[in-house]
Every structure is written in C-alpha cells, then in structure tokens.
Amino acid sequence: MKDRAHDEAMAEMFRDDPGYAVQLLNSILEDGDQSELLITLRQMTKAFGGVQSVAETAHLSATQLYRTLSPDGNPVLSSLSAILKAMGLRLAVQPVQTPHAHA
C-alpha cells in the first residue's frame, strides 16, 4: 500500500510541476540507474493519464507498456522514445560536464 501512495504522490507532483519530471529523468539518466528510470516512468504514466492513455499515444498496447516499465523491463530505444513522446518529452544527448574540460 505504501508504494501505491508514494506513486500517487509522485504522479501528482509530476502533474503539478512537469519541469521537475524533466530534471528528475535527466538526473536518473546521468546516473544510469535503469530500475530507478523504470519506477519514475511508471509514476509518470499515472500523471499523464494512465497506462491505457499513454500506451495509445505511444502506439503500444497496454500489455507492452506494462512489460516495458515492469521491474524486469528492458525498454528498447524506440519504446522509450515513444513513451516519452506520449508525455511531451524526448531523449536528448548532451556533452558530459567536466570541471576542468579545458586545460
């Protein structure tokens, strides 16, 4: 029950502050923690209308979306891009910030 309440609270936060969702996803992607990424995307799915709505917008079946975002999920790039696009987001590439890039 506690996880469900936490997921709902996070979904509400993402609805209220989409910029926070972007910052959080970028932070997770920078750290490379796939399980944390999948948890956050599951929470965001709630914020963006639920599994059925996100799946339809992403041109995936609800079953595909559930599997992709499950704890054992391993989303392919095309699915991840489609899911993010359904939420009004996209993947982007940025240079790694290093403290002393110029010698």
N, C-alpha and C. Protein backbone atom coordinates (compact mmCIF):
# COMPACT_ATOMS: atom_id res chain seq x y z
N MET A 1 0.82 -1.19 0.00
CA MET A 1 0.00 0.00 0.00
C MET A 1 0.86 1.26 0.00
N LYS A 2 1.93 1.23 0.78
CA LYS A 2 2.77 2.42 0.90
C LYS A 2 3.33 2.84 -0.46
N ASP A 3 3.79 1.86 -1.27
CA ASP A 3 4.34 2.19 -2.58
C ASP A 3 3.29 2.83 -3.47
N ARG A 4 2.06 2.35 -3.41
CA ARG A 4 0.99 2.90 -4.23
C ARG A 4 0.74 4.36 -3.84
N ALA A 5 0.72 4.64 -2.52
CA ALA A 5 0.52 6.02 -2.05
C ALA A 5 1.68 6.90 -2.51
N HIS A 6 2.89 6.37 -2.44
CA HIS A 6 4.06 7.13 -2.90
C HIS A 6 3.97 7.38 -4.40
N ASP A 7 3.58 6.36 -5.16
CA ASP A 7 3.44 6.53 -6.61
C ASP A 7 2.42 7.60 -6.94
N GLU A 8 1.29 7.60 -6.21
CA GLU A 8 0.26 8.61 -6.44
C GLU A 8 0.78 10.00 -6.11
N ALA A 9 1.53 10.12 -5.02
CA ALA A 9 2.09 11.41 -4.63
C ALA A 9 3.08 11.90 -5.69
N MET A 10 3.89 10.99 -6.20
CA MET A 10 4.85 11.38 -7.24
C MET A 10 4.11 11.77 -8.52
N ALA A 11 3.08 11.02 -8.88
CA ALA A 11 2.30 11.35 -10.07
C ALA A 11 1.71 12.75 -9.95
N GLU A 12 1.20 13.07 -8.77
CA GLU A 12 0.63 14.40 -8.54
C GLU A 12 1.71 15.47 -8.69
N MET A 13 2.90 15.20 -8.16
CA MET A 13 4.00 16.15 -8.28
C MET A 13 4.37 16.37 -9.75
N PHE A 14 4.40 15.28 -10.54
CA PHE A 14 4.74 15.41 -11.97
C PHE A 14 3.67 16.20 -12.71
N ARG A 15 2.39 16.00 -12.35
CA ARG A 15 1.30 16.77 -12.98
C ARG A 15 1.43 18.25 -12.64
N ASP A 16 1.74 18.53 -11.37
CA ASP A 16 1.82 19.92 -10.91
C ASP A 16 3.07 20.64 -11.40
N ASP A 17 4.15 19.89 -11.59
CA ASP A 17 5.43 20.50 -11.97
C ASP A 17 6.16 19.63 -13.00
N PRO A 18 5.74 19.72 -14.27
CA PRO A 18 6.39 18.90 -15.31
C PRO A 18 7.90 19.16 -15.41
N GLY A 19 8.34 20.35 -15.07
CA GLY A 19 9.78 20.65 -15.09
C GLY A 19 10.55 19.78 -14.12
N TYR A 20 9.92 19.45 -12.99
CA TYR A 20 10.55 18.57 -12.01
C TYR A 20 10.76 17.18 -12.62
N ALA A 21 9.76 16.73 -13.37
CA ALA A 21 9.86 15.42 -14.02
C ALA A 21 11.06 15.40 -14.97
N VAL A 22 11.24 16.47 -15.72
CA VAL A 22 12.36 16.56 -16.66
C VAL A 22 13.69 16.52 -15.91
N GLN A 23 13.79 17.30 -14.84
CA GLN A 23 15.04 17.31 -14.05
C GLN A 23 15.33 15.94 -13.45
N LEU A 24 14.29 15.31 -12.92
CA LEU A 24 14.48 14.00 -12.30
C LEU A 24 14.92 12.97 -13.32
N LEU A 25 14.26 12.94 -14.48
CA LEU A 25 14.64 11.98 -15.53
C LEU A 25 16.07 12.22 -15.98
N ASN A 26 16.46 13.47 -16.18
CA ASN A 26 17.83 13.76 -16.59
C ASN A 26 18.83 13.31 -15.54
N SER A 27 18.50 13.51 -14.28
CA SER A 27 19.38 13.07 -13.20
C SER A 27 19.53 11.56 -13.19
N ILE A 28 18.41 10.86 -13.37
CA ILE A 28 18.43 9.39 -13.38
C ILE A 28 19.24 8.89 -14.59
N LEU A 29 19.02 9.50 -15.75
CA LEU A 29 19.76 9.08 -16.95
C LEU A 29 21.25 9.33 -16.78
N GLU A 30 21.60 10.43 -16.11
CA GLU A 30 23.02 10.74 -15.87
C GLU A 30 23.66 9.68 -14.99
N ASP A 31 22.90 9.20 -13.98
CA ASP A 31 23.42 8.19 -13.06
C ASP A 31 23.40 6.78 -13.67
N GLY A 32 22.56 6.59 -14.70
CA GLY A 32 22.50 5.30 -15.37
C GLY A 32 21.77 4.21 -14.60
N ASP A 33 20.85 4.58 -13.71
CA ASP A 33 20.12 3.60 -12.91
C ASP A 33 18.83 3.22 -13.60
N GLN A 34 18.84 2.11 -14.34
CA GLN A 34 17.69 1.71 -15.14
C GLN A 34 16.46 1.41 -14.28
N SER A 35 16.64 0.74 -13.14
CA SER A 35 15.48 0.41 -12.32
C SER A 35 14.80 1.67 -11.80
N GLU A 36 15.58 2.67 -11.43
CA GLU A 36 15.02 3.93 -10.98
C GLU A 36 14.30 4.65 -12.13
N LEU A 37 14.86 4.55 -13.33
CA LEU A 37 14.23 5.14 -14.50
C LEU A 37 12.85 4.51 -14.74
N LEU A 38 12.77 3.19 -14.66
CA LEU A 38 11.50 2.49 -14.90
C LEU A 38 10.46 2.84 -13.83
N ILE A 39 10.90 2.94 -12.58
CA ILE A 39 9.98 3.33 -11.50
C ILE A 39 9.42 4.72 -11.78
N THR A 40 10.29 5.65 -12.12
CA THR A 40 9.86 7.03 -12.38
C THR A 40 8.92 7.09 -13.58
N LEU A 41 9.23 6.34 -14.63
CA LEU A 41 8.35 6.34 -15.81
C LEU A 41 6.98 5.72 -15.47
N ARG A 42 6.96 4.71 -14.60
CA ARG A 42 5.67 4.15 -14.16
C ARG A 42 4.86 5.21 -13.42
N GLN A 43 5.53 5.95 -12.54
CA GLN A 43 4.85 7.02 -11.79
C GLN A 43 4.37 8.11 -12.75
N MET A 44 5.20 8.44 -13.73
CA MET A 44 4.82 9.48 -14.69
C MET A 44 3.64 9.03 -15.55
N THR A 45 3.56 7.73 -15.82
CA THR A 45 2.44 7.22 -16.61
C THR A 45 1.11 7.55 -15.91
N LYS A 46 1.10 7.44 -14.58
CA LYS A 46 -0.10 7.81 -13.82
C LYS A 46 -0.41 9.30 -14.01
N ALA A 47 0.63 10.11 -14.01
CA ALA A 47 0.44 11.56 -14.14
C ALA A 47 -0.06 11.96 -15.52
N PHE A 48 0.25 11.17 -16.53
CA PHE A 48 -0.10 11.52 -17.90
C PHE A 48 -1.29 10.71 -18.42
N GLY A 49 -2.23 10.39 -17.54
CA GLY A 49 -3.48 9.79 -17.98
C GLY A 49 -3.61 8.30 -17.78
N GLY A 50 -2.59 7.66 -17.27
CA GLY A 50 -2.66 6.22 -17.02
C GLY A 50 -2.10 5.39 -18.16
N VAL A 51 -1.99 4.10 -17.90
CA VAL A 51 -1.36 3.17 -18.84
C VAL A 51 -2.07 3.16 -20.19
N GLN A 52 -3.39 3.06 -20.18
CA GLN A 52 -4.12 2.96 -21.45
C GLN A 52 -3.90 4.20 -22.32
N SER A 53 -3.99 5.36 -21.70
CA SER A 53 -3.83 6.61 -22.44
C SER A 53 -2.40 6.76 -23.00
N VAL A 54 -1.41 6.53 -22.15
CA VAL A 54 -0.01 6.65 -22.59
C VAL A 54 0.29 5.60 -23.66
N ALA A 55 -0.19 4.38 -23.46
CA ALA A 55 0.06 3.30 -24.43
C ALA A 55 -0.52 3.68 -25.79
N GLU A 56 -1.76 4.17 -25.82
CA GLU A 56 -2.38 4.56 -27.09
C GLU A 56 -1.59 5.66 -27.78
N THR A 57 -1.21 6.69 -27.02
CA THR A 57 -0.46 7.81 -27.60
C THR A 57 0.90 7.35 -28.11
N ALA A 58 1.50 6.39 -27.41
CA ALA A 58 2.82 5.87 -27.78
C ALA A 58 2.74 4.77 -28.85
N HIS A 59 1.51 4.44 -29.28
CA HIS A 59 1.29 3.37 -30.26
C HIS A 59 1.83 2.03 -29.78
N LEU A 60 1.58 1.76 -28.49
CA LEU A 60 1.93 0.48 -27.88
C LEU A 60 0.65 -0.10 -27.29
N SER A 61 0.61 -1.40 -27.08
CA SER A 61 -0.52 -1.96 -26.36
C SER A 61 -0.27 -1.73 -24.87
N ALA A 62 -1.35 -1.77 -24.09
CA ALA A 62 -1.20 -1.61 -22.64
C ALA A 62 -0.27 -2.69 -22.09
N THR A 63 -0.38 -3.90 -22.62
CA THR A 63 0.48 -5.00 -22.18
C THR A 63 1.94 -4.69 -22.47
N GLN A 64 2.23 -4.16 -23.66
CA GLN A 64 3.62 -3.79 -24.00
C GLN A 64 4.15 -2.74 -23.02
N LEU A 65 3.32 -1.75 -22.72
CA LEU A 65 3.75 -0.69 -21.81
C LEU A 65 4.01 -1.26 -20.41
N TYR A 66 3.09 -2.09 -19.91
CA TYR A 66 3.30 -2.72 -18.61
C TYR A 66 4.61 -3.50 -18.59
N ARG A 67 4.85 -4.31 -19.63
CA ARG A 67 6.08 -5.12 -19.68
C ARG A 67 7.32 -4.24 -19.76
N THR A 68 7.26 -3.21 -20.59
CA THR A 68 8.40 -2.32 -20.77
C THR A 68 8.79 -1.63 -19.47
N LEU A 69 7.78 -1.22 -18.70
CA LEU A 69 8.05 -0.47 -17.48
C LEU A 69 8.05 -1.33 -16.22
N SER A 70 7.94 -2.65 -16.39
CA SER A 70 7.96 -3.55 -15.24
C SER A 70 9.35 -3.56 -14.61
N PRO A 71 9.47 -4.01 -13.36
CA PRO A 71 10.79 -4.08 -12.72
C PRO A 71 11.81 -4.87 -13.54
N ASP A 72 11.34 -5.85 -14.33
CA ASP A 72 12.24 -6.64 -15.17
C ASP A 72 12.31 -6.10 -16.59
N GLY A 73 11.66 -4.97 -16.83
CA GLY A 73 11.61 -4.41 -18.18
C GLY A 73 12.97 -3.95 -18.66
N ASN A 74 13.14 -4.01 -19.96
CA ASN A 74 14.36 -3.54 -20.58
C ASN A 74 13.94 -2.82 -21.87
N PRO A 75 13.50 -1.56 -21.72
CA PRO A 75 12.92 -0.89 -22.87
C PRO A 75 13.91 -0.69 -24.01
N VAL A 76 13.43 -0.97 -25.22
CA VAL A 76 14.24 -0.66 -26.39
C VAL A 76 14.11 0.84 -26.64
N LEU A 77 15.05 1.40 -27.34
CA LEU A 77 15.08 2.84 -27.56
C LEU A 77 13.79 3.34 -28.21
N SER A 78 13.27 2.60 -29.18
CA SER A 78 12.06 3.06 -29.85
C SER A 78 10.87 3.13 -28.89
N SER A 79 10.74 2.16 -27.98
CA SER A 79 9.66 2.19 -26.99
C SER A 79 9.85 3.33 -26.01
N LEU A 80 11.07 3.49 -25.53
CA LEU A 80 11.36 4.55 -24.58
C LEU A 80 11.07 5.91 -25.21
N SER A 81 11.50 6.10 -26.43
CA SER A 81 11.25 7.37 -27.13
C SER A 81 9.75 7.61 -27.30
N ALA A 82 9.00 6.56 -27.66
CA ALA A 82 7.55 6.68 -27.87
C ALA A 82 6.85 7.01 -26.55
N ILE A 83 7.27 6.38 -25.47
CA ILE A 83 6.66 6.64 -24.16
C ILE A 83 6.92 8.07 -23.74
N LEU A 84 8.16 8.52 -23.88
CA LEU A 84 8.49 9.90 -23.52
C LEU A 84 7.73 10.89 -24.39
N LYS A 85 7.64 10.60 -25.69
CA LYS A 85 6.91 11.49 -26.60
C LYS A 85 5.45 11.60 -26.19
N ALA A 86 4.86 10.48 -25.75
CA ALA A 86 3.47 10.49 -25.29
C ALA A 86 3.29 11.40 -24.07
N MET A 87 4.38 11.66 -23.35
CA MET A 87 4.35 12.52 -22.18
C MET A 87 4.83 13.93 -22.51
N GLY A 88 5.05 14.18 -23.80
CA GLY A 88 5.51 15.51 -24.21
C GLY A 88 6.99 15.72 -23.99
N LEU A 89 7.76 14.62 -23.92
CA LEU A 89 9.19 14.70 -23.66
C LEU A 89 9.95 13.98 -24.77
N ARG A 90 11.26 14.15 -24.78
CA ARG A 90 12.10 13.43 -25.74
C ARG A 90 13.47 13.21 -25.12
N LEU A 91 14.16 12.20 -25.66
CA LEU A 91 15.55 11.97 -25.26
C LEU A 91 16.43 12.99 -25.95
N ALA A 92 17.50 13.39 -25.30
CA ALA A 92 18.44 14.32 -25.90
C ALA A 92 19.85 13.91 -25.48
N VAL A 93 20.81 14.27 -26.29
CA VAL A 93 22.20 13.99 -25.98
C VAL A 93 22.88 15.30 -25.62
N GLN A 94 23.65 15.27 -24.54
CA GLN A 94 24.39 16.46 -24.11
C GLN A 94 25.82 16.06 -23.81
N PRO A 95 26.74 17.01 -23.95
CA PRO A 95 28.12 16.69 -23.57
C PRO A 95 28.21 16.50 -22.07
N VAL A 96 29.11 15.63 -21.66
CA VAL A 96 29.34 15.40 -20.24
C VAL A 96 30.05 16.65 -19.69
N GLN A 97 29.53 17.14 -18.59
CA GLN A 97 30.13 18.31 -17.96
C GLN A 97 31.28 17.86 -17.06
N THR A 98 32.47 18.32 -17.36
CA THR A 98 33.62 18.01 -16.52
C THR A 98 34.14 19.32 -15.94
N PRO A 99 34.59 19.29 -14.68
CA PRO A 99 35.02 20.53 -14.01
C PRO A 99 36.14 21.26 -14.74
N HIS A 100 37.08 20.49 -15.30
CA HIS A 100 38.24 21.10 -15.95
C HIS A 100 38.35 20.61 -17.39
N ALA A 101 37.34 20.92 -18.18
CA ALA A 101 37.31 20.44 -19.56
C ALA A 101 38.42 21.06 -20.39
N HIS A 102 38.79 22.30 -20.07
CA HIS A 102 39.85 22.98 -20.84
C HIS A 102 41.12 23.06 -20.02
N ALA A 103 42.19 22.55 -20.57
CA ALA A 103 43.45 22.55 -19.82
C ALA A 103 44.25 23.79 -20.09
